[in-house]
Amino acid sequence: MRFQVLIGDMVVGTSDLEYGDPPMGVAHGSLLPNSAYREFQHLTDEDGFVRTQSEIRIRSVDGQQFLEPSEGAFIQDFSTDMTKPEVEVSILGLHRYEDWFPEHYKKYEQQFSN
């Protein structure tokens, strides 16, 4: 499933949030930034985190539902320019994890079955 990543009300890219830790309510993945992301890229601190006054939010690609992580969403940028972006987005403490990421949950459960 693809998600929109927003800073404030501006969509700055998309992500599949392809990795996760269901018990912790964590999902993360590559951010595919769009041209609007350039406005925020310079706000990266020494650890690569984009620090902005606006909230980073994640919503379904159809724009209908926002994910509601209790600990927020974060963008970490390891790229030096936009020619080859290496940017990740993470959400922490996601409520209704199994509803959003059934494939993560299934993979997690399978490691305990014989």
C-alpha atoms as a PDB file:
ATOM      1  CA  MET A   1       0.000   0.000   0.000  1.00  0.00           C
ATOM      2  CA  ARG A   2       1.302   3.442  -0.868  1.00  0.00           C
ATOM      3  CA  PHE A   3       1.043   6.411   1.500  1.00  0.00           C
ATOM      4  CA  GLN A   4       1.408  10.168   1.130  1.00  0.00           C
ATOM      5  CA  VAL A   5       3.920  11.903   3.379  1.00  0.00           C
ATOM      6  CA  LEU A   6       3.062  15.447   4.411  1.00  0.00           C
ATOM      7  CA  ILE A   7       4.888  18.216   6.210  1.00  0.00           C
ATOM      8  CA  GLY A   8       2.113  20.413   7.499  1.00  0.00           C
ATOM      9  CA  ASP A   9      -0.438  20.386   4.683  1.00  0.00           C
ATOM     10  CA  MET A  10       2.105  19.927   1.881  1.00  0.00           C
ATOM     11  CA  VAL A  11       2.598  16.496   0.293  1.00  0.00           C
ATOM     12  CA  VAL A  12       6.378  16.014   0.044  1.00  0.00           C
ATOM     13  CA  GLY A  13       6.419  12.462  -1.314  1.00  0.00           C
ATOM     14  CA  THR A  14       5.138   8.925  -1.017  1.00  0.00           C
ATOM     15  CA  SER A  15       6.234   5.734   0.695  1.00  0.00           C
ATOM     16  CA  ASP A  16       5.178   2.099   0.796  1.00  0.00           C
ATOM     17  CA  LEU A  17       6.338   1.872   4.438  1.00  0.00           C
ATOM     18  CA  GLU A  18       7.622  -1.511   3.409  1.00  0.00           C
ATOM     19  CA  TYR A  19       9.250  -2.520   6.727  1.00  0.00           C
ATOM     20  CA  GLY A  20       7.783  -2.842  10.174  1.00  0.00           C
ATOM     21  CA  ASP A  21       7.791  -4.034  13.752  1.00  0.00           C
ATOM     22  CA  PRO A  22       4.174  -4.876  14.631  1.00  0.00           C
ATOM     23  CA  PRO A  23       4.590  -5.247  18.437  1.00  0.00           C
ATOM     24  CA  MET A  24       6.169  -1.785  18.595  1.00  0.00           C
ATOM     25  CA  GLY A  25       3.708  -0.242  16.148  1.00  0.00           C
ATOM     26  CA  VAL A  26       6.576   0.874  13.913  1.00  0.00           C
ATOM     27  CA  ALA A  27       6.515   1.093  10.131  1.00  0.00           C
ATOM     28  CA  HIS A  28       9.197   2.611   7.928  1.00  0.00           C
ATOM     29  CA  GLY A  29      10.402   2.697   4.370  1.00  0.00           C
ATOM     30  CA  SER A  30      11.916   4.710   1.577  1.00  0.00           C
ATOM     31  CA  LEU A  31      10.490   8.135   0.916  1.00  0.00           C
ATOM     32  CA  LEU A  32      10.076   8.934  -2.751  1.00  0.00           C
ATOM     33  CA  PRO A  33      10.321  12.733  -2.494  1.00  0.00           C
ATOM     34  CA  ASN A  34       8.625  15.098  -4.893  1.00  0.00           C
ATOM     35  CA  SER A  35       9.759  18.618  -5.806  1.00  0.00           C
ATOM     36  CA  ALA A  36       8.025  20.098  -2.721  1.00  0.00           C
ATOM     37  CA  TYR A  37      10.461  18.178  -0.491  1.00  0.00           C
ATOM     38  CA  ARG A  38      13.299  20.490  -1.579  1.00  0.00           C
ATOM     39  CA  GLU A  39      11.745  23.218   0.558  1.00  0.00           C
ATOM     40  CA  PHE A  40      12.439  21.128   3.678  1.00  0.00           C
ATOM     41  CA  GLN A  41      15.612  19.191   2.775  1.00  0.00           C
ATOM     42  CA  HIS A  42      17.902  21.914   4.139  1.00  0.00           C
ATOM     43  CA  LEU A  43      16.318  21.475   7.602  1.00  0.00           C
ATOM     44  CA  THR A  44      18.221  18.214   8.139  1.00  0.00           C
ATOM     45  CA  ASP A  45      20.217  18.038  11.387  1.00  0.00           C
ATOM     46  CA  GLU A  46      23.564  16.268  11.947  1.00  0.00           C
ATOM     47  CA  ASP A  47      21.781  12.918  12.417  1.00  0.00           C
ATOM     48  CA  GLY A  48      19.854  13.304   9.164  1.00  0.00           C
ATOM     49  CA  PHE A  49      16.475  14.081  10.763  1.00  0.00           C
ATOM     50  CA  VAL A  50      14.391  16.730   9.045  1.00  0.00           C
ATOM     51  CA  ARG A  51      13.543  19.232  11.797  1.00  0.00           C
ATOM     52  CA  THR A  52      10.551  21.393  10.986  1.00  0.00           C
ATOM     53  CA  GLN A  53       8.017  23.438  12.925  1.00  0.00           C
ATOM     54  CA  SER A  54       5.245  21.650  11.019  1.00  0.00           C
ATOM     55  CA  GLU A  55       4.056  18.169  11.904  1.00  0.00           C
ATOM     56  CA  ILE A  56       5.068  15.274   9.673  1.00  0.00           C
ATOM     57  CA  ARG A  57       1.996  13.208   8.875  1.00  0.00           C
ATOM     58  CA  ILE A  58       1.174  10.096   6.853  1.00  0.00           C
ATOM     59  CA  ARG A  59      -2.099   9.431   5.065  1.00  0.00           C
ATOM     60  CA  SER A  60      -3.549   6.911   2.680  1.00  0.00           C
ATOM     61  CA  VAL A  61      -2.697   7.655  -0.939  1.00  0.00           C
ATOM     62  CA  ASP A  62      -6.359   8.402  -1.650  1.00  0.00           C
ATOM     63  CA  GLY A  63      -6.109  11.185   0.933  1.00  0.00           C
ATOM     64  CA  GLN A  64      -9.044   9.861   2.961  1.00  0.00           C
ATOM     65  CA  GLN A  65      -7.410   8.618   6.190  1.00  0.00           C
ATOM     66  CA  PHE A  66      -4.460   9.714   8.296  1.00  0.00           C
ATOM     67  CA  LEU A  67      -2.437   7.149  10.213  1.00  0.00           C
ATOM     68  CA  GLU A  68      -2.392   7.958  13.926  1.00  0.00           C
ATOM     69  CA  PRO A  69       0.967   7.082  15.490  1.00  0.00           C
ATOM     70  CA  SER A  70       1.177   7.909  19.192  1.00  0.00           C
ATOM     71  CA  GLU A  71       4.859   8.843  18.918  1.00  0.00           C
ATOM     72  CA  GLY A  72       4.789  10.686  15.604  1.00  0.00           C
ATOM     73  CA  ALA A  73       6.360  10.419  12.187  1.00  0.00           C
ATOM     74  CA  PHE A  74       9.915  11.247  11.185  1.00  0.00           C
ATOM     75  CA  ILE A  75      11.896  11.819   8.012  1.00  0.00           C
ATOM     76  CA  GLN A  76      15.581  10.969   7.941  1.00  0.00           C
ATOM     77  CA  ASP A  77      17.613  12.164   4.946  1.00  0.00           C
ATOM     78  CA  PHE A  78      20.991  10.604   4.159  1.00  0.00           C
ATOM     79  CA  SER A  79      21.306  12.117   0.680  1.00  0.00           C
ATOM     80  CA  THR A  80      23.566  14.978  -0.312  1.00  0.00           C
ATOM     81  CA  ASP A  81      21.373  16.157  -3.172  1.00  0.00           C
ATOM     82  CA  MET A  82      18.134  15.296  -4.938  1.00  0.00           C
ATOM     83  CA  THR A  83      19.837  13.493  -7.837  1.00  0.00           C
ATOM     84  CA  LYS A  84      20.005  10.297  -5.775  1.00  0.00           C
ATOM     85  CA  PRO A  85      17.833  10.704  -2.716  1.00  0.00           C
ATOM     86  CA  GLU A  86      18.342   8.366   0.210  1.00  0.00           C
ATOM     87  CA  VAL A  87      15.450   9.378   2.399  1.00  0.00           C
ATOM     88  CA  GLU A  88      13.447   7.285   4.861  1.00  0.00           C
ATOM     89  CA  VAL A  89      10.211   7.900   6.707  1.00  0.00           C
ATOM     90  CA  SER A  90       9.165   6.212   9.967  1.00  0.00           C
ATOM     91  CA  ILE A  91       6.071   6.153  12.127  1.00  0.00           C
ATOM     92  CA  LEU A  92       6.169   5.087  15.769  1.00  0.00           C
ATOM     93  CA  GLY A  93       3.392   3.752  17.982  1.00  0.00           C
ATOM     94  CA  LEU A  94       0.841   3.181  15.242  1.00  0.00           C
ATOM     95  CA  HIS A  95      -2.693   2.414  16.366  1.00  0.00           C
ATOM     96  CA  ARG A  96      -4.614  -0.251  14.393  1.00  0.00           C
ATOM     97  CA  TYR A  97      -1.330  -1.597  13.006  1.00  0.00           C
ATOM     98  CA  GLU A  98      -2.853  -4.823  11.683  1.00  0.00           C
ATOM     99  CA  ASP A  99      -5.491  -2.861   9.745  1.00  0.00           C
ATOM    100  CA  TRP A 100      -2.852  -0.801   7.911  1.00  0.00           C
ATOM    101  CA  PHE A 101      -0.112  -3.414   7.516  1.00  0.00           C
ATOM    102  CA  PRO A 102      -1.587  -6.921   7.501  1.00  0.00           C
ATOM    103  CA  GLU A 103       1.431  -8.215   5.550  1.00  0.00           C
ATOM    104  CA  HIS A 104       3.844  -7.001   8.269  1.00  0.00           C
ATOM    105  CA  TYR A 105       1.689  -8.584  10.928  1.00  0.00           C
ATOM    106  CA  LYS A 106       1.413 -11.868   9.024  1.00  0.00           C
ATOM    107  CA  LYS A 107       5.189 -12.040   8.494  1.00  0.00           C
ATOM    108  CA  TYR A 108       5.745 -11.372  12.194  1.00  0.00           C
ATOM    109  CA  GLU A 109       3.298 -14.103  13.246  1.00  0.00           C
ATOM    110  CA  GLN A 110       4.822 -16.642  10.830  1.00  0.00           C
ATOM    111  CA  GLN A 111       8.177 -16.541  12.593  1.00  0.00           C
ATOM    112  CA  PHE A 112       6.537 -18.189  15.625  1.00  0.00           C
ATOM    113  CA  SER A 113       4.654 -20.944  13.819  1.00  0.00           C
ATOM    114  CA  ASN A 114       6.121 -24.341  12.974  1.00  0.00           C
END
